[in-house]
Amino acid sequence: MNSLIVCDGDAVNFEAMFGHRLVVLTAPALIKASGVASVSKRRMCVLGDEKRDRWPARYFVTGYTPGQGMVSIDMLDASQFTPCIVGRPPLIVCGLPFTARFTPTVPATLISPPNTPDSMTPSIGRGNFIARQHYARA
């Protein structure tokens, strides 16, 4: 598959629903790259960069007060990284959606009866990368 290469500062977009939770990021999600090669003076992302970032979010469940948590990339789709190059880690490319994880840090609380917290169990969702450059593909 020929997909756009993900670079430092590219956006990470998450679908709103993580199981029964509606999750809203509190700040833009941008990925940080550690690759050696660059596109337009921005480092390319390599396999493993997706595991380094977590983004704060609020979440909502019907009948509960809002809660807080962190969103992370759980697992890339096989279409989102290039074959291994000898001596270099695979590049991350846009590809198909990846698996994301929302982990509550402050649980939402049931309105009635009061003080009944939502489960602290993580929820699974999906997301994708949005490349700012539109010419370098792998």
Foldseek 3Di string as FASTA:
>chain_A
DKFAFAWFFWFKFFQQDFDQKGKDFPDTHTFGADAPDDDPPTHTHFPPSQQPDKTKIWIDHPQWAIFIWIKGFDFADPQQWDPDDVPGGTTGGFGDKGKMKTFTPGFTFGPPPGPHGDDRDITIGIITTDHPDDDDID
